[in-house]
Amino acid sequence: MNALEQKLVESLLSNKYKQITGQLRTPEGHCCLGVACDISGLGHWNPNYTSEYITAGDGRPDSDESVLPRTVRLALGWSMESGLVAVRDRDGLMPSLADLNDIGFTFPQIADLITAGLIETIDEFRKRTQQIGWDY
């Protein structure tokens, strides 16, 4: 686990953030990925639009309102902007932290997944795609 992931786990467990669904942030709270943006120190929230996290030098957001900006994702070392969980569900699909947040997983449950090292990293994604002949 890298330093930003550790800080995210601590923040998810801190009770500082109220959990919401569907967007990174609203006046009511943050989703787990919104917490990652908030604690990353890599940008700022758009004062004119609650859920946009701006990290690009030109002042525009580099993601949509429900997934991680590329800069934050790379700092976390994660393969996908939604925080892909490297475990298949009973349907054979790999859920994301965004999905799990939105279906009711609590911040402590999400922190457990991160602590267990179950979020797919960039290196794991490269290995997986190379196995099927893709070169990233």
Protein backbone atom coordinates (compact mmCIF):
# COMPACT_ATOMS: atom_id res chain seq x y z
CA MET A 1 0.00 0.00 0.00
CA ASN A 2 1.43 3.37 -0.95
CA ALA A 3 1.31 6.51 1.22
CA LEU A 4 -1.78 7.97 -0.48
CA GLU A 5 -3.66 4.68 -0.14
CA GLN A 6 -2.74 4.60 3.58
CA LYS A 7 -3.98 8.17 3.97
CA LEU A 8 -7.20 7.22 2.16
CA VAL A 9 -7.79 4.25 4.46
CA GLU A 10 -7.23 6.44 7.52
CA SER A 11 -9.60 9.07 6.14
CA LEU A 12 -12.31 6.51 5.34
CA LEU A 13 -12.09 5.22 8.91
CA SER A 14 -11.93 8.68 10.53
CA ASN A 15 -15.66 9.50 10.53
CA LYS A 16 -14.67 12.93 9.12
CA TYR A 17 -16.53 12.24 5.85
CA LYS A 18 -20.24 11.56 5.37
CA GLN A 19 -20.77 8.93 2.67
CA ILE A 20 -22.84 9.69 -0.42
CA THR A 21 -23.43 7.90 -3.72
CA GLY A 22 -23.40 8.81 -7.40
CA GLN A 23 -20.91 11.69 -7.35
CA LEU A 24 -17.47 12.45 -5.99
CA ARG A 25 -18.84 15.15 -3.70
CA THR A 26 -22.02 17.06 -2.95
CA PRO A 27 -22.86 19.48 -0.13
CA GLU A 28 -24.04 16.40 1.79
CA GLY A 29 -20.75 14.48 1.64
CA HIS A 30 -18.28 12.46 -0.45
CA CYS A 31 -18.13 9.04 -2.07
CA CYS A 32 -15.01 6.97 -1.37
CA LEU A 33 -13.34 8.31 -4.54
CA GLY A 34 -14.25 11.87 -3.56
CA VAL A 35 -12.46 11.30 -0.26
CA ALA A 36 -9.39 10.21 -2.27
CA CYS A 37 -9.54 13.46 -4.25
CA ASP A 38 -10.05 15.55 -1.13
CA ILE A 39 -7.03 14.14 0.73
CA SER A 40 -4.71 13.84 -2.28
CA GLY A 41 -3.53 17.46 -2.33
CA LEU A 42 -3.29 17.19 -6.11
CA GLY A 43 -5.93 19.73 -7.06
CA HIS A 44 -9.01 21.56 -5.82
CA TRP A 45 -12.78 21.42 -6.02
CA ASN A 46 -14.39 23.66 -8.62
CA PRO A 47 -16.07 26.40 -6.56
CA ASN A 48 -18.81 26.71 -9.20
CA TYR A 49 -19.61 23.00 -9.43
CA THR A 50 -19.48 20.89 -6.30
CA SER A 51 -18.45 17.55 -7.80
CA GLU A 52 -15.64 18.61 -10.18
CA TYR A 53 -12.12 18.05 -8.89
CA ILE A 54 -9.61 20.06 -10.91
CA THR A 55 -6.02 18.88 -11.26
CA ALA A 56 -5.13 19.97 -14.80
CA GLY A 57 -2.92 23.02 -15.23
CA ASP A 58 -5.47 24.75 -17.45
CA GLY A 59 -8.10 24.78 -14.71
CA ARG A 60 -10.40 22.19 -16.29
CA PRO A 61 -11.39 18.96 -14.53
CA ASP A 62 -9.63 15.86 -15.85
CA SER A 63 -12.44 13.45 -15.00
CA ASP A 64 -16.20 13.34 -14.83
CA GLU A 65 -18.10 13.85 -11.59
CA SER A 66 -18.12 10.22 -10.43
CA VAL A 67 -14.63 8.77 -10.98
CA LEU A 68 -11.06 9.67 -10.09
CA PRO A 69 -9.14 12.23 -12.08
CA ARG A 70 -6.19 10.65 -13.88
CA THR A 71 -3.66 12.46 -11.65
CA VAL A 72 -5.20 11.09 -8.45
CA ARG A 73 -5.58 7.59 -9.94
CA LEU A 74 -1.91 7.52 -10.92
CA ALA A 75 -0.83 8.76 -7.47
CA LEU A 76 -2.81 5.89 -5.93
CA GLY A 77 -1.20 3.50 -8.44
CA TRP A 78 -4.60 2.14 -9.50
CA SER A 79 -5.33 0.78 -12.96
CA MET A 80 -8.81 2.25 -13.40
CA GLU A 81 -10.41 5.54 -12.44
CA SER A 82 -13.25 3.76 -10.64
CA GLY A 83 -10.93 1.68 -8.42
CA LEU A 84 -11.28 -1.79 -9.95
CA VAL A 85 -11.44 -4.55 -7.32
CA ALA A 86 -9.20 -7.43 -8.41
CA VAL A 87 -11.68 -10.10 -7.34
CA ARG A 88 -14.50 -11.49 -9.44
CA ASP A 89 -18.05 -11.53 -8.14
CA ARG A 90 -20.39 -14.52 -8.57
CA ASP A 91 -21.21 -13.35 -12.11
CA GLY A 92 -17.53 -13.32 -13.05
CA LEU A 93 -17.33 -9.52 -13.09
CA MET A 94 -14.78 -7.32 -11.36
CA PRO A 95 -16.65 -4.63 -9.40
CA SER A 96 -15.20 -1.21 -8.72
CA LEU A 97 -15.02 0.82 -5.55
CA ALA A 98 -17.40 3.29 -7.21
CA ASP A 99 -19.91 0.47 -7.75
CA LEU A 100 -19.51 -0.91 -4.24
CA ASN A 101 -19.82 2.56 -2.69
CA ASP A 102 -23.03 3.14 -4.63
CA ILE A 103 -24.65 -0.19 -3.67
CA GLY A 104 -24.09 0.34 0.04
CA PHE A 105 -20.61 -0.83 1.02
CA THR A 106 -19.57 1.30 3.99
CA PHE A 107 -16.38 3.33 4.17
CA PRO A 108 -14.88 0.79 6.64
CA GLN A 109 -15.68 -2.08 4.25
CA ILE A 110 -14.06 -0.16 1.37
CA ALA A 111 -11.04 0.60 3.58
CA ASP A 112 -10.73 -3.15 4.25
CA LEU A 113 -10.55 -3.86 0.49
CA ILE A 114 -7.82 -1.26 0.04
CA THR A 115 -5.89 -2.52 3.08
CA ALA A 116 -6.09 -6.08 1.75
CA GLY A 117 -4.44 -4.92 -1.49
CA LEU A 118 -7.46 -5.84 -3.60
CA ILE A 119 -7.53 -2.75 -5.81
CA GLU A 120 -5.97 -3.54 -9.18
CA THR A 121 -2.71 -1.68 -9.69
CA ILE A 122 -1.29 -0.39 -12.95
CA ASP A 123 1.31 -3.20 -12.95
CA GLU A 124 -1.34 -5.88 -12.37
CA PHE A 125 -3.38 -4.48 -15.24
CA ARG A 126 -0.35 -4.59 -17.55
CA LYS A 127 0.35 -8.22 -16.62
CA ARG A 128 -3.27 -9.20 -17.13
CA THR A 129 -3.52 -7.53 -20.52
CA GLN A 130 -0.17 -8.95 -21.68
CA GLN A 131 -1.50 -12.43 -20.93
CA ILE A 132 -4.13 -11.92 -23.63
CA GLY A 133 -1.76 -10.30 -26.09
CA TRP A 134 -2.41 -6.63 -25.42
CA ASP A 135 0.60 -4.37 -24.95
CA TYR A 136 0.13 -1.44 -22.55
